[in-house]
Amino acid sequence: MPSTISQAINDPLEMIIRKREVKIAPQPFAEGAERLAYHMLEQKHGNLRLVGKEFKFLGSRKNSKANYLLQMEIQTIAARLAHSFNMAYPSEEPIKFLLTKCMHFMNRSKPIYFSAEPLILGDYVKYSNNAGWVNNKIDSELFNTFSHWTWAATNGYLIIVDLQGVNNLLTDPAIHCTDLLKFGDMNLGQEGMKQFFKNHKCSDKCREFGLGPVDADSLAEL
């Protein structure tokens, strides 16, 4: 993982290529708006249980190697920001993001790619999406504060949203960024930030972290 937030945002990912032997289920066990999720088993590492995620639209630019590497980049940046958040505000239950890998299946007639990450068991909870919806229930305060903090910590350059996972272990975030050429189709730029702050209600947790209300309407003018 990059050693600083700046490195995570600005430097290219360091690529390490390794061969792996995995088994993958023939049918997905879950489906999201853009991707299908499959059970995987990595055989040479104690039968490590993984989740393989494949974009639904085979043959399109969505299902390209570049797009899978982009998912790695987004999740790595989120993990780096979460680490900095946890260091600044230690907690018994720190926020963590799963680190994902890009898998290229070599024994296929056409290139096939998957994102792969450890399987986490438990009930998934959605805390926000990338379109402005925010779960304002009491058990979501920490996660919404984290999103708010990522915006403040990067001086309004980006915000981590679309938070979901099991307990404090999260996956599949999205990034809104002032640079609309980065972070893929889920990046809605200033408008995405505006929608988050229109629905986010600063709680005692935000105030504990030194964060105050943000005028959402002012963001679209920047």
Protein backbone atom coordinates (compact mmCIF):
# COMPACT_ATOMS: atom_id res chain seq x y z
CA MET A 1 0.00 0.00 0.00
CA PRO A 2 1.31 3.53 -0.77
CA SER A 3 2.96 5.21 2.19
CA THR A 4 1.17 8.56 1.85
CA ILE A 5 -2.17 9.87 0.59
CA SER A 6 -0.36 11.92 -2.05
CA GLN A 7 1.43 8.85 -3.39
CA ALA A 8 -1.81 6.88 -3.50
CA ILE A 9 -3.53 9.59 -5.53
CA ASN A 10 -0.72 10.66 -7.84
CA ASP A 11 1.68 7.74 -8.33
CA PRO A 12 0.92 4.72 -10.55
CA LEU A 13 0.28 1.41 -8.83
CA GLU A 14 3.28 -0.83 -8.36
CA MET A 15 2.51 -4.00 -10.31
CA ILE A 16 3.57 -7.43 -9.07
CA ILE A 17 2.70 -10.34 -11.36
CA ARG A 18 2.32 -13.83 -9.88
CA LYS A 19 0.86 -17.09 -11.15
CA ARG A 20 -2.02 -18.55 -9.19
CA GLU A 21 -4.18 -21.66 -9.50
CA VAL A 22 -7.83 -20.97 -8.75
CA LYS A 23 -11.17 -22.67 -9.13
CA ILE A 24 -14.18 -20.56 -9.94
CA ALA A 25 -17.86 -21.40 -9.54
CA PRO A 26 -19.75 -21.79 -12.84
CA GLN A 27 -22.53 -19.44 -11.77
CA PRO A 28 -22.49 -16.14 -9.83
CA PHE A 29 -23.87 -16.06 -6.30
CA ALA A 30 -24.66 -12.33 -6.32
CA GLU A 31 -25.26 -9.53 -8.79
CA GLY A 32 -24.74 -5.79 -8.55
CA ALA A 33 -25.56 -2.94 -10.88
CA GLU A 34 -22.39 -3.47 -12.92
CA ARG A 35 -20.75 -6.71 -11.84
CA LEU A 36 -21.37 -10.38 -11.10
CA ALA A 37 -19.80 -12.05 -8.05
CA TYR A 38 -18.47 -15.63 -8.09
CA HIS A 39 -17.05 -17.88 -5.41
CA MET A 40 -13.36 -18.64 -6.00
CA LEU A 41 -10.86 -20.94 -4.33
CA GLU A 42 -7.11 -20.26 -4.47
CA GLN A 43 -5.71 -23.77 -4.21
CA LYS A 44 -2.03 -23.27 -3.34
CA HIS A 45 -2.69 -21.01 -0.37
CA GLY A 46 -4.64 -23.24 1.97
CA ASN A 47 -7.73 -23.16 -0.23
CA LEU A 48 -8.20 -19.45 0.37
CA ARG A 49 -11.79 -18.44 -0.27
CA LEU A 50 -12.13 -15.47 -2.60
CA VAL A 51 -14.80 -13.49 -4.38
CA GLY A 52 -14.25 -12.97 -8.10
CA LYS A 53 -16.05 -9.99 -9.64
CA GLU A 54 -16.68 -9.70 -13.37
CA PHE A 55 -18.23 -6.85 -15.29
CA LYS A 56 -21.47 -7.94 -16.90
CA PHE A 57 -20.77 -6.56 -20.35
CA LEU A 58 -18.30 -8.96 -21.93
CA GLY A 59 -16.48 -7.57 -24.94
CA SER A 60 -17.13 -3.94 -24.04
CA ARG A 61 -14.66 -1.43 -22.64
CA LYS A 62 -16.14 -2.15 -19.20
CA ASN A 63 -14.63 -5.62 -19.27
CA SER A 64 -11.13 -4.48 -20.21
CA LYS A 65 -7.95 -5.06 -18.24
CA ALA A 66 -7.63 -1.29 -17.77
CA ASN A 67 -11.00 -1.15 -16.02
CA TYR A 68 -10.06 -3.94 -13.60
CA LEU A 69 -6.81 -2.15 -12.81
CA LEU A 70 -8.87 0.99 -12.21
CA GLN A 71 -10.90 -0.87 -9.57
CA MET A 72 -7.62 -1.83 -7.88
CA GLU A 73 -6.53 1.81 -7.91
CA ILE A 74 -9.80 3.07 -6.41
CA GLN A 75 -9.77 0.49 -3.64
CA THR A 76 -6.08 1.15 -2.89
CA ILE A 77 -6.68 4.90 -2.56
CA ALA A 78 -9.64 4.22 -0.27
CA ALA A 79 -7.50 1.87 1.84
CA ARG A 80 -4.72 4.48 2.13
CA LEU A 81 -7.17 7.17 3.23
CA ALA A 82 -8.77 4.79 5.73
CA HIS A 83 -5.33 4.01 7.17
CA SER A 84 -4.61 7.73 7.62
CA PHE A 85 -8.04 8.24 9.15
CA ASN A 86 -7.44 5.43 11.63
CA MET A 87 -4.00 6.75 12.54
CA ALA A 88 -5.39 10.22 13.19
CA TYR A 89 -8.39 8.94 15.13
CA PRO A 90 -7.56 5.55 16.70
CA SER A 91 -10.50 3.25 17.26
CA GLU A 92 -11.08 -0.26 18.52
CA GLU A 93 -12.94 -0.89 15.25
CA PRO A 94 -10.90 0.85 12.51
CA ILE A 95 -12.29 1.25 9.01
CA LYS A 96 -10.55 -1.02 6.51
CA PHE A 97 -10.94 -1.70 2.81
CA LEU A 98 -10.24 -5.03 1.20
CA LEU A 99 -7.33 -4.91 -1.24
CA THR A 100 -8.29 -6.34 -4.60
CA LYS A 101 -6.25 -8.07 -7.31
CA CYS A 102 -6.71 -8.24 -11.06
CA MET A 103 -6.76 -11.85 -12.26
CA HIS A 104 -6.12 -12.77 -15.89
CA PHE A 105 -7.26 -16.30 -16.78
CA MET A 106 -4.64 -17.67 -19.18
CA ASN A 107 -6.39 -20.86 -20.29
CA ARG A 108 -9.19 -19.16 -22.22
CA SER A 109 -9.47 -18.50 -25.95
CA LYS A 110 -10.07 -14.80 -25.26
CA PRO A 111 -8.66 -12.66 -22.44
CA ILE A 112 -10.83 -13.02 -19.34
CA TYR A 113 -10.31 -10.78 -16.32
CA PHE A 114 -11.72 -10.75 -12.81
CA SER A 115 -11.23 -8.67 -9.71
CA ALA A 116 -10.49 -10.93 -6.76
CA GLU A 117 -10.59 -10.21 -3.04
CA PRO A 118 -10.95 -12.24 0.17
CA LEU A 119 -14.42 -13.51 0.96
CA ILE A 120 -15.92 -11.80 4.01
CA LEU A 121 -18.82 -13.46 5.77
CA GLY A 122 -21.69 -11.63 7.39
CA ASP A 123 -24.47 -9.22 6.54
CA TYR A 124 -23.55 -6.50 4.06
CA VAL A 125 -24.71 -3.01 4.98
CA LYS A 126 -24.90 -0.10 2.53
CA TYR A 127 -23.84 3.25 4.02
CA SER A 128 -23.91 5.45 0.91
CA ASN A 129 -23.98 5.30 -2.87
CA ASN A 130 -22.36 7.46 -5.53
CA ALA A 131 -25.57 9.32 -6.39
CA GLY A 132 -26.03 11.18 -3.12
CA TRP A 133 -27.98 8.74 -0.98
CA VAL A 134 -26.61 8.56 2.57
CA ASN A 135 -27.67 6.15 5.30
CA ASN A 136 -28.18 8.50 8.24
CA LYS A 137 -28.90 5.80 10.81
CA ILE A 138 -26.90 5.96 14.01
CA ASP A 139 -24.71 2.97 13.12
CA SER A 140 -23.64 4.71 9.90
CA GLU A 141 -22.19 7.81 11.57
CA LEU A 142 -18.57 6.68 11.49
CA PHE A 143 -18.68 5.80 7.79
CA ASN A 144 -20.36 9.04 6.75
CA THR A 145 -17.83 10.93 8.85
CA PHE A 146 -15.06 9.08 7.02
CA SER A 147 -16.45 10.21 3.65
CA HIS A 148 -16.66 13.79 4.91
CA TRP A 149 -13.09 13.53 6.25
CA THR A 150 -11.69 12.27 2.91
CA TRP A 151 -13.00 15.44 1.26
CA ALA A 152 -11.42 17.63 3.95
CA ALA A 153 -8.14 15.68 4.04
CA THR A 154 -7.65 16.12 0.26
CA ASN A 155 -8.68 19.80 0.32
CA GLY A 156 -11.84 19.07 -1.64
CA TYR A 157 -10.01 17.19 -4.41
CA LEU A 158 -11.90 13.93 -3.87
CA ILE A 159 -14.36 12.13 -1.64
CA ILE A 160 -14.75 8.38 -1.03
CA VAL A 161 -18.40 7.29 -1.29
CA ASP A 162 -20.47 4.21 -2.14
CA LEU A 163 -19.46 2.61 1.14
CA GLN A 164 -20.61 -0.91 1.91
CA GLY A 165 -19.35 -3.98 3.66
CA VAL A 166 -19.51 -6.18 6.73
CA ASN A 167 -19.00 -4.37 10.02
CA ASN A 168 -15.96 -2.11 9.48
CA LEU A 169 -14.52 -4.06 6.55
CA LEU A 170 -15.53 -2.31 3.32
CA THR A 171 -15.34 -3.00 -0.40
CA ASP A 172 -16.30 -1.56 -3.80
CA PRO A 173 -16.09 2.17 -3.04
CA ALA A 174 -16.39 4.94 -5.61
CA ILE A 175 -14.49 8.21 -5.83
CA HIS A 176 -15.84 11.60 -6.83
CA CYS A 177 -12.97 13.84 -7.92
CA THR A 178 -12.56 17.31 -9.36
CA ASP A 179 -10.57 15.65 -12.17
CA LEU A 180 -13.31 14.00 -14.21
CA LEU A 181 -10.76 12.07 -16.27
CA LYS A 182 -9.91 9.90 -13.26
CA PHE A 183 -11.71 7.05 -11.46
CA GLY A 184 -14.11 5.95 -14.17
CA ASP A 185 -17.81 6.39 -14.81
CA MET A 186 -18.74 6.44 -11.12
CA ASN A 187 -16.84 9.72 -10.68
CA LEU A 188 -19.50 12.44 -10.78
CA GLY A 189 -17.06 15.19 -9.85
CA GLN A 190 -18.24 18.28 -7.99
CA GLU A 191 -21.86 17.33 -8.62
CA GLY A 192 -21.33 14.02 -6.83
CA MET A 193 -19.74 15.83 -3.88
CA LYS A 194 -22.63 18.29 -3.83
CA GLN A 195 -25.19 15.47 -3.69
CA PHE A 196 -23.34 13.79 -0.81
CA PHE A 197 -23.25 16.95 1.30
CA LYS A 198 -26.89 17.76 0.52
CA ASN A 199 -27.89 14.51 2.22
CA HIS A 200 -25.15 14.07 4.81
CA LYS A 201 -26.11 15.33 8.26
CA CYS A 202 -23.06 16.18 10.36
CA SER A 203 -23.32 14.29 13.66
CA ASP A 204 -21.47 14.41 16.94
CA LYS A 205 -18.96 12.09 15.27
CA CYS A 206 -18.18 14.74 12.62
CA ARG A 207 -17.77 17.38 15.29
CA GLU A 208 -15.54 15.03 17.27
CA PHE A 209 -13.31 14.84 14.18
CA GLY A 210 -13.26 18.61 13.76
CA LEU A 211 -15.57 18.61 10.74
CA GLY A 212 -18.33 21.16 10.22
CA PRO A 213 -21.27 21.50 7.82
CA VAL A 214 -20.43 22.03 4.14
CA ASP A 215 -22.51 24.32 1.93
CA ALA A 216 -23.40 21.82 -0.78
CA ASP A 217 -24.64 24.40 -3.27
CA SER A 218 -21.28 26.20 -3.22
CA LEU A 219 -19.47 23.10 -4.48
CA ALA A 220 -21.05 23.17 -7.93
CA GLU A 221 -19.71 26.68 -8.43
CA LEU A 222 -16.05 25.70 -8.00
